[in-house]
Amino acid sequence: MVKIAVVGGGIIGLSSACCLKRKYPKIEITLISEKFSPNTTGDGSAGVLMPYLLQDTPKDLVERWSKGTLDFFLSLWKTPEGGEVGISLIPVSIVTSNDEVPPYGVFGLHELTPTALQRFNIPTLR
């Protein structure tokens, strides 16, 4: 039997362990971490799926990986355990002058009105 140790009980370690187990159900995974939920700093942090291009990484690969990550988190979110593992969809505002819309999907994406921009103390971008 293949045995794998994953170091880290945060989102990357747990996600890596889940993906490995899903892809290779017969492997044995040991998760090593100083602390586990709810005694980690990660319990208070939030992740925003906002991919960007890394050096020479082709854009189509970044988009494919982003969609895969989003699909994975959505599948966890839709399970009865979704809330227990801390996955939730929450509103977030990201203000940018970039007109490019991510192709992998963003929930509730919309352009801010001039009034909304004033609330953030940001001048009209156009």
C-alpha atoms as a PDB file:
ATOM      1  CA  MET A   1       0.000   0.000   0.000  1.00  0.00           C
ATOM      2  CA  VAL A   2       1.205   3.488  -0.870  1.00  0.00           C
ATOM      3  CA  LYS A   3       1.539   5.775   2.154  1.00  0.00           C
ATOM      4  CA  ILE A   4       1.630   9.549   1.825  1.00  0.00           C
ATOM      5  CA  ALA A   5       2.232  12.198   4.485  1.00  0.00           C
ATOM      6  CA  VAL A   6       0.717  15.642   3.931  1.00  0.00           C
ATOM      7  CA  VAL A   7       2.230  18.392   6.062  1.00  0.00           C
ATOM      8  CA  GLY A   8      -0.171  21.151   7.056  1.00  0.00           C
ATOM      9  CA  GLY A   9      -3.729  21.239   8.339  1.00  0.00           C
ATOM     10  CA  GLY A  10      -4.706  24.405   6.491  1.00  0.00           C
ATOM     11  CA  ILE A  11      -6.685  24.744   3.302  1.00  0.00           C
ATOM     12  CA  ILE A  12      -3.789  23.669   1.058  1.00  0.00           C
ATOM     13  CA  GLY A  13      -2.878  20.608   3.132  1.00  0.00           C
ATOM     14  CA  LEU A  14      -6.478  19.491   3.608  1.00  0.00           C
ATOM     15  CA  SER A  15      -7.375  20.102  -0.037  1.00  0.00           C
ATOM     16  CA  SER A  16      -4.293  18.227  -1.194  1.00  0.00           C
ATOM     17  CA  ALA A  17      -5.132  15.274   1.045  1.00  0.00           C
ATOM     18  CA  CYS A  18      -8.765  15.239  -0.164  1.00  0.00           C
ATOM     19  CA  CYS A  19      -7.760  15.413  -3.836  1.00  0.00           C
ATOM     20  CA  LEU A  20      -5.191  12.644  -3.430  1.00  0.00           C
ATOM     21  CA  LYS A  21      -7.651  10.381  -1.619  1.00  0.00           C
ATOM     22  CA  ARG A  22     -10.366  11.045  -4.188  1.00  0.00           C
ATOM     23  CA  LYS A  23      -8.025  10.248  -7.079  1.00  0.00           C
ATOM     24  CA  TYR A  24      -6.288   7.300  -5.370  1.00  0.00           C
ATOM     25  CA  PRO A  25      -8.791   5.792  -2.909  1.00  0.00           C
ATOM     26  CA  LYS A  26      -6.492   2.931  -1.863  1.00  0.00           C
ATOM     27  CA  ILE A  27      -3.644   5.125  -0.573  1.00  0.00           C
ATOM     28  CA  GLU A  28      -3.107   5.750   3.127  1.00  0.00           C
ATOM     29  CA  ILE A  29      -2.765   9.433   4.005  1.00  0.00           C
ATOM     30  CA  THR A  30      -1.354  10.807   7.245  1.00  0.00           C
ATOM     31  CA  LEU A  31      -2.025  14.496   7.870  1.00  0.00           C
ATOM     32  CA  ILE A  32       0.659  16.181   9.979  1.00  0.00           C
ATOM     33  CA  SER A  33      -0.063  19.536  11.579  1.00  0.00           C
ATOM     34  CA  GLU A  34       0.799  21.331  14.790  1.00  0.00           C
ATOM     35  CA  LYS A  35      -2.895  22.161  15.302  1.00  0.00           C
ATOM     36  CA  PHE A  36      -6.207  21.253  13.752  1.00  0.00           C
ATOM     37  CA  SER A  37      -9.525  23.059  13.500  1.00  0.00           C
ATOM     38  CA  PRO A  38     -10.796  24.927  15.465  1.00  0.00           C
ATOM     39  CA  ASN A  39      -7.372  25.758  16.927  1.00  0.00           C
ATOM     40  CA  THR A  40      -5.721  27.109  13.800  1.00  0.00           C
ATOM     41  CA  THR A  41      -5.290  30.633  12.513  1.00  0.00           C
ATOM     42  CA  GLY A  42      -6.892  29.450   9.266  1.00  0.00           C
ATOM     43  CA  ASP A  43     -10.252  29.180  10.987  1.00  0.00           C
ATOM     44  CA  GLY A  44     -10.539  32.958  10.929  1.00  0.00           C
ATOM     45  CA  SER A  45      -9.126  33.580   7.490  1.00  0.00           C
ATOM     46  CA  ALA A  46     -10.958  33.580   4.213  1.00  0.00           C
ATOM     47  CA  GLY A  47      -9.880  32.536   0.782  1.00  0.00           C
ATOM     48  CA  VAL A  48     -10.816  34.295  -2.389  1.00  0.00           C
ATOM     49  CA  LEU A  49     -10.437  32.280  -5.563  1.00  0.00           C
ATOM     50  CA  MET A  50      -8.733  34.862  -7.718  1.00  0.00           C
ATOM     51  CA  PRO A  51      -6.248  33.255 -10.072  1.00  0.00           C
ATOM     52  CA  TYR A  52      -3.624  35.149 -11.934  1.00  0.00           C
ATOM     53  CA  LEU A  53      -0.990  34.225 -14.471  1.00  0.00           C
ATOM     54  CA  LEU A  54       2.276  33.015 -13.010  1.00  0.00           C
ATOM     55  CA  GLN A  55       5.236  33.945 -15.151  1.00  0.00           C
ATOM     56  CA  ASP A  56       5.052  31.800 -18.289  1.00  0.00           C
ATOM     57  CA  THR A  57       2.111  29.618 -17.218  1.00  0.00           C
ATOM     58  CA  PRO A  58      -0.272  29.473 -20.199  1.00  0.00           C
ATOM     59  CA  LYS A  59      -3.557  31.264 -19.564  1.00  0.00           C
ATOM     60  CA  ASP A  60      -5.599  28.213 -20.605  1.00  0.00           C
ATOM     61  CA  LEU A  61      -3.894  26.120 -17.893  1.00  0.00           C
ATOM     62  CA  VAL A  62      -4.575  28.752 -15.205  1.00  0.00           C
ATOM     63  CA  GLU A  63      -8.219  28.875 -16.304  1.00  0.00           C
ATOM     64  CA  ARG A  64      -8.532  25.071 -16.313  1.00  0.00           C
ATOM     65  CA  TRP A  65      -6.952  24.765 -12.856  1.00  0.00           C
ATOM     66  CA  SER A  66      -9.141  27.603 -11.559  1.00  0.00           C
ATOM     67  CA  LYS A  67     -12.298  25.944 -12.817  1.00  0.00           C
ATOM     68  CA  GLY A  68     -11.208  22.637 -11.286  1.00  0.00           C
ATOM     69  CA  THR A  69     -10.575  24.310  -7.930  1.00  0.00           C
ATOM     70  CA  LEU A  70     -13.905  26.137  -8.025  1.00  0.00           C
ATOM     71  CA  ASP A  71     -15.768  22.949  -8.964  1.00  0.00           C
ATOM     72  CA  PHE A  72     -14.032  21.077  -6.113  1.00  0.00           C
ATOM     73  CA  PHE A  73     -14.971  23.705  -3.505  1.00  0.00           C
ATOM     74  CA  LEU A  74     -18.536  23.911  -4.802  1.00  0.00           C
ATOM     75  CA  SER A  75     -18.893  20.133  -4.557  1.00  0.00           C
ATOM     76  CA  LEU A  76     -17.754  20.305  -0.912  1.00  0.00           C
ATOM     77  CA  TRP A  77     -19.979  23.319  -0.219  1.00  0.00           C
ATOM     78  CA  LYS A  78     -23.051  21.424  -1.433  1.00  0.00           C
ATOM     79  CA  THR A  79     -22.518  18.495   0.961  1.00  0.00           C
ATOM     80  CA  PRO A  80     -24.113  18.305   4.420  1.00  0.00           C
ATOM     81  CA  GLU A  81     -20.597  18.669   5.849  1.00  0.00           C
ATOM     82  CA  GLY A  82     -19.888  21.854   3.883  1.00  0.00           C
ATOM     83  CA  GLY A  83     -20.645  24.144   6.791  1.00  0.00           C
ATOM     84  CA  GLU A  84     -18.768  21.955   9.232  1.00  0.00           C
ATOM     85  CA  VAL A  85     -15.578  22.164   7.210  1.00  0.00           C
ATOM     86  CA  GLY A  86     -15.960  25.923   6.936  1.00  0.00           C
ATOM     87  CA  ILE A  87     -16.811  26.328   3.281  1.00  0.00           C
ATOM     88  CA  SER A  88     -19.238  29.139   2.582  1.00  0.00           C
ATOM     89  CA  LEU A  89     -19.973  31.662  -0.101  1.00  0.00           C
ATOM     90  CA  ILE A  90     -19.794  35.190   1.245  1.00  0.00           C
ATOM     91  CA  PRO A  91     -20.064  38.551  -0.471  1.00  0.00           C
ATOM     92  CA  VAL A  92     -16.809  40.238  -1.359  1.00  0.00           C
ATOM     93  CA  SER A  93     -15.994  43.435  -3.205  1.00  0.00           C
ATOM     94  CA  ILE A  94     -12.974  43.685  -5.440  1.00  0.00           C
ATOM     95  CA  VAL A  95     -12.481  47.027  -7.131  1.00  0.00           C
ATOM     96  CA  THR A  96     -10.409  46.981 -10.289  1.00  0.00           C
ATOM     97  CA  SER A  97     -10.069  48.881 -13.518  1.00  0.00           C
ATOM     98  CA  ASN A  98      -9.501  45.583 -15.346  1.00  0.00           C
ATOM     99  CA  ASP A  99     -12.417  44.936 -17.720  1.00  0.00           C
ATOM    100  CA  GLU A 100     -11.507  41.291 -18.301  1.00  0.00           C
ATOM    101  CA  VAL A 101     -14.138  38.931 -16.872  1.00  0.00           C
ATOM    102  CA  PRO A 102     -12.759  35.634 -15.532  1.00  0.00           C
ATOM    103  CA  PRO A 103     -14.015  32.802 -17.775  1.00  0.00           C
ATOM    104  CA  TYR A 104     -14.314  30.264 -14.945  1.00  0.00           C
ATOM    105  CA  GLY A 105     -17.259  31.946 -13.253  1.00  0.00           C
ATOM    106  CA  VAL A 106     -17.684  34.489 -10.509  1.00  0.00           C
ATOM    107  CA  PHE A 107     -20.868  34.571  -8.438  1.00  0.00           C
ATOM    108  CA  GLY A 108     -22.631  37.918  -8.428  1.00  0.00           C
ATOM    109  CA  LEU A 109     -20.063  39.680 -10.611  1.00  0.00           C
ATOM    110  CA  HIS A 110     -21.261  43.166 -11.483  1.00  0.00           C
ATOM    111  CA  GLU A 111     -19.914  46.593 -12.250  1.00  0.00           C
ATOM    112  CA  LEU A 112     -20.130  49.014  -9.353  1.00  0.00           C
ATOM    113  CA  THR A 113     -22.258  52.089  -9.821  1.00  0.00           C
ATOM    114  CA  PRO A 114     -20.754  55.551  -9.262  1.00  0.00           C
ATOM    115  CA  THR A 115     -22.672  55.673  -5.949  1.00  0.00           C
ATOM    116  CA  ALA A 116     -21.132  52.386  -4.814  1.00  0.00           C
ATOM    117  CA  LEU A 117     -17.677  53.621  -5.821  1.00  0.00           C
ATOM    118  CA  GLN A 118     -18.221  56.714  -3.665  1.00  0.00           C
ATOM    119  CA  ARG A 119     -18.943  54.472  -0.655  1.00  0.00           C
ATOM    120  CA  PHE A 120     -15.486  52.944  -1.152  1.00  0.00           C
ATOM    121  CA  ASN A 121     -14.049  56.463  -1.588  1.00  0.00           C
ATOM    122  CA  ILE A 122     -12.909  55.562  -5.101  1.00  0.00           C
ATOM    123  CA  PRO A 123     -13.242  57.985  -8.004  1.00  0.00           C
ATOM    124  CA  THR A 124     -15.185  56.863 -11.050  1.00  0.00           C
ATOM    125  CA  LEU A 125     -12.886  54.644 -13.080  1.00  0.00           C
ATOM    126  CA  ARG A 126     -14.188  55.661 -16.503  1.00  0.00           C
END
